[in-house]
Amino acid sequence: MEVSKKHFENNCSLSEHRTVKRVVIEFDAQYQSIFPEAKMIANNFHLVQMGLQALNQTRVQLIHHFS
């Protein structure tokens, strides 16, 4: 579920944002500006997905190179 920056700006004060300690992210840089004091934690699913996409892209390039 995607939650927009405007949702946090409209429903939480800046002082409330500063009390957030950890945010699990989906590699979206906007969260750092929303929660300036929070430690950003990458979602493992997206790390694996990015790795698999990179491997697949390399595999396709090798197939085209050797065909």
N, C-alpha and C. Protein backbone atom coordinates (compact mmCIF):
# COMPACT_ATOMS: atom_id res chain seq x y z
N MET A 1 0.84 -1.18 0.00
CA MET A 1 0.00 0.00 0.00
C MET A 1 0.89 1.24 0.00
N GLU A 2 0.68 2.08 -0.96
CA GLU A 2 1.47 3.29 -1.06
C GLU A 2 0.82 4.41 -0.27
N VAL A 3 1.61 5.06 0.55
CA VAL A 3 1.12 6.19 1.34
C VAL A 3 1.88 7.42 0.86
N SER A 4 1.16 8.44 0.49
CA SER A 4 1.81 9.62 -0.09
C SER A 4 2.39 10.54 0.98
N LYS A 5 3.32 11.36 0.53
CA LYS A 5 3.93 12.37 1.39
C LYS A 5 2.87 13.32 1.94
N LYS A 6 1.90 13.68 1.11
CA LYS A 6 0.84 14.60 1.53
C LYS A 6 0.03 14.03 2.70
N HIS A 7 -0.15 12.71 2.72
CA HIS A 7 -0.89 12.08 3.83
C HIS A 7 -0.20 12.39 5.15
N PHE A 8 1.12 12.21 5.19
CA PHE A 8 1.85 12.48 6.43
C PHE A 8 1.88 13.96 6.76
N GLU A 9 2.02 14.80 5.74
CA GLU A 9 2.05 16.24 5.98
C GLU A 9 0.70 16.75 6.51
N ASN A 10 -0.39 16.17 6.03
CA ASN A 10 -1.72 16.63 6.42
C ASN A 10 -2.21 16.02 7.73
N ASN A 11 -1.70 14.88 8.12
CA ASN A 11 -2.23 14.17 9.29
C ASN A 11 -1.28 14.11 10.49
N CYS A 12 -0.05 14.54 10.32
CA CYS A 12 0.92 14.49 11.42
C CYS A 12 1.71 15.79 11.46
N SER A 13 2.01 16.23 12.64
CA SER A 13 2.81 17.45 12.78
C SER A 13 4.29 17.12 12.61
N LEU A 14 5.09 18.15 12.37
CA LEU A 14 6.53 17.94 12.22
C LEU A 14 7.13 17.36 13.50
N SER A 15 6.62 17.78 14.65
CA SER A 15 7.13 17.23 15.91
C SER A 15 6.82 15.73 16.01
N GLU A 16 5.66 15.31 15.49
CA GLU A 16 5.34 13.88 15.46
C GLU A 16 6.27 13.14 14.50
N HIS A 17 6.59 13.75 13.37
CA HIS A 17 7.51 13.14 12.40
C HIS A 17 8.86 12.89 13.05
N ARG A 18 9.30 13.81 13.88
CA ARG A 18 10.62 13.68 14.51
C ARG A 18 10.69 12.56 15.55
N THR A 19 9.54 12.10 16.00
CA THR A 19 9.53 11.03 16.99
C THR A 19 9.61 9.64 16.36
N VAL A 20 9.44 9.56 15.04
CA VAL A 20 9.53 8.27 14.35
C VAL A 20 10.98 7.80 14.36
N LYS A 21 11.21 6.58 14.82
CA LYS A 21 12.57 6.05 14.96
C LYS A 21 13.00 5.19 13.77
N ARG A 22 12.06 4.44 13.18
CA ARG A 22 12.40 3.55 12.06
C ARG A 22 11.28 3.58 11.02
N VAL A 23 11.71 3.53 9.75
CA VAL A 23 10.76 3.46 8.65
C VAL A 23 11.26 2.39 7.69
N VAL A 24 10.40 1.41 7.39
CA VAL A 24 10.74 0.41 6.38
C VAL A 24 10.29 0.99 5.05
N ILE A 25 11.25 1.12 4.13
CA ILE A 25 10.98 1.82 2.87
C ILE A 25 11.03 0.88 1.68
N GLU A 26 10.47 1.36 0.61
CA GLU A 26 10.50 0.66 -0.67
C GLU A 26 11.36 1.47 -1.64
N PHE A 27 12.52 1.91 -1.18
CA PHE A 27 13.47 2.68 -1.97
C PHE A 27 12.87 3.95 -2.55
N ASP A 28 12.22 4.70 -1.72
CA ASP A 28 11.64 5.97 -2.12
C ASP A 28 12.27 7.06 -1.25
N ALA A 29 13.06 7.91 -1.86
CA ALA A 29 13.84 8.91 -1.12
C ALA A 29 12.98 9.93 -0.39
N GLN A 30 11.72 10.09 -0.76
CA GLN A 30 10.89 11.12 -0.12
C GLN A 30 10.70 10.86 1.37
N TYR A 31 10.79 9.60 1.80
CA TYR A 31 10.55 9.30 3.21
C TYR A 31 11.62 9.92 4.13
N GLN A 32 12.83 10.09 3.63
CA GLN A 32 13.88 10.69 4.45
C GLN A 32 13.51 12.12 4.81
N SER A 33 12.90 12.85 3.90
CA SER A 33 12.52 14.24 4.20
C SER A 33 11.28 14.29 5.09
N ILE A 34 10.43 13.27 5.04
CA ILE A 34 9.22 13.25 5.86
C ILE A 34 9.57 12.93 7.31
N PHE A 35 10.48 11.98 7.51
CA PHE A 35 10.87 11.53 8.85
C PHE A 35 12.37 11.78 9.04
N PRO A 36 12.76 13.02 9.32
CA PRO A 36 14.18 13.38 9.34
C PRO A 36 15.00 12.67 10.42
N GLU A 37 14.41 12.25 11.51
CA GLU A 37 15.15 11.61 12.59
C GLU A 37 15.12 10.08 12.51
N ALA A 38 14.38 9.54 11.55
CA ALA A 38 14.19 8.08 11.48
C ALA A 38 15.33 7.39 10.75
N LYS A 39 15.60 6.17 11.16
CA LYS A 39 16.56 5.31 10.48
C LYS A 39 15.80 4.59 9.37
N MET A 40 16.30 4.67 8.14
CA MET A 40 15.63 4.04 7.00
C MET A 40 16.08 2.58 6.89
N ILE A 41 15.11 1.68 6.81
CA ILE A 41 15.38 0.25 6.71
C ILE A 41 14.81 -0.23 5.38
N ALA A 42 15.67 -0.81 4.54
CA ALA A 42 15.24 -1.27 3.23
C ALA A 42 14.39 -2.53 3.36
N ASN A 43 13.34 -2.60 2.59
CA ASN A 43 12.45 -3.75 2.55
C ASN A 43 13.18 -4.89 1.84
N ASN A 44 13.35 -6.04 2.52
CA ASN A 44 14.09 -7.17 1.95
C ASN A 44 13.52 -7.64 0.63
N PHE A 45 12.21 -7.64 0.49
CA PHE A 45 11.59 -8.08 -0.76
C PHE A 45 12.12 -7.27 -1.93
N HIS A 46 12.22 -5.97 -1.76
CA HIS A 46 12.67 -5.12 -2.86
C HIS A 46 14.16 -5.28 -3.14
N LEU A 47 14.94 -5.57 -2.12
CA LEU A 47 16.36 -5.85 -2.35
C LEU A 47 16.53 -7.09 -3.22
N VAL A 48 15.80 -8.15 -2.89
CA VAL A 48 15.87 -9.40 -3.66
C VAL A 48 15.35 -9.16 -5.08
N GLN A 49 14.25 -8.43 -5.20
CA GLN A 49 13.68 -8.16 -6.52
C GLN A 49 14.67 -7.39 -7.40
N MET A 50 15.35 -6.40 -6.85
CA MET A 50 16.34 -5.64 -7.61
C MET A 50 17.49 -6.54 -8.05
N GLY A 51 17.95 -7.42 -7.16
CA GLY A 51 19.02 -8.35 -7.50
C GLY A 51 18.63 -9.30 -8.63
N LEU A 52 17.41 -9.83 -8.56
CA LEU A 52 16.93 -10.75 -9.59
C LEU A 52 16.77 -10.04 -10.94
N GLN A 53 16.32 -8.81 -10.92
CA GLN A 53 16.18 -8.04 -12.16
C GLN A 53 17.55 -7.79 -12.78
N ALA A 54 18.55 -7.48 -11.96
CA ALA A 54 19.90 -7.25 -12.48
C ALA A 54 20.47 -8.53 -13.08
N LEU A 55 20.27 -9.66 -12.40
CA LEU A 55 20.76 -10.94 -12.94
C LEU A 55 20.06 -11.27 -14.25
N ASN A 56 18.77 -11.06 -14.33
CA ASN A 56 18.03 -11.36 -15.55
C ASN A 56 18.48 -10.47 -16.70
N GLN A 57 18.72 -9.21 -16.42
CA GLN A 57 19.19 -8.28 -17.45
C GLN A 57 20.55 -8.73 -17.98
N THR A 58 21.43 -9.14 -17.10
CA THR A 58 22.75 -9.63 -17.50
C THR A 58 22.61 -10.90 -18.33
N ARG A 59 21.72 -11.80 -17.93
CA ARG A 59 21.49 -13.05 -18.65
C ARG A 59 21.03 -12.76 -20.08
N VAL A 60 20.10 -11.82 -20.24
CA VAL A 60 19.60 -11.48 -21.56
C VAL A 60 20.69 -10.86 -22.42
N GLN A 61 21.52 -10.01 -21.83
CA GLN A 61 22.63 -9.40 -22.57
C GLN A 61 23.61 -10.46 -23.05
N LEU A 62 23.89 -11.44 -22.19
CA LEU A 62 24.81 -12.53 -22.59
C LEU A 62 24.21 -13.38 -23.71
N ILE A 63 22.92 -13.66 -23.64
CA ILE A 63 22.26 -14.43 -24.70
C ILE A 63 22.39 -13.69 -26.04
N HIS A 64 22.15 -12.39 -26.04
CA HIS A 64 22.24 -11.60 -27.27
C HIS A 64 23.69 -11.53 -27.77
N HIS A 65 24.63 -11.49 -26.85
CA HIS A 65 26.03 -11.38 -27.21
C HIS A 65 26.54 -12.65 -27.90
N PHE A 66 26.10 -13.81 -27.42
CA PHE A 66 26.61 -15.09 -27.92
C PHE A 66 25.72 -15.74 -28.98
N SER A 67 24.61 -15.12 -29.34
CA SER A 67 23.74 -15.77 -30.32
C SER A 67 24.13 -15.44 -31.75
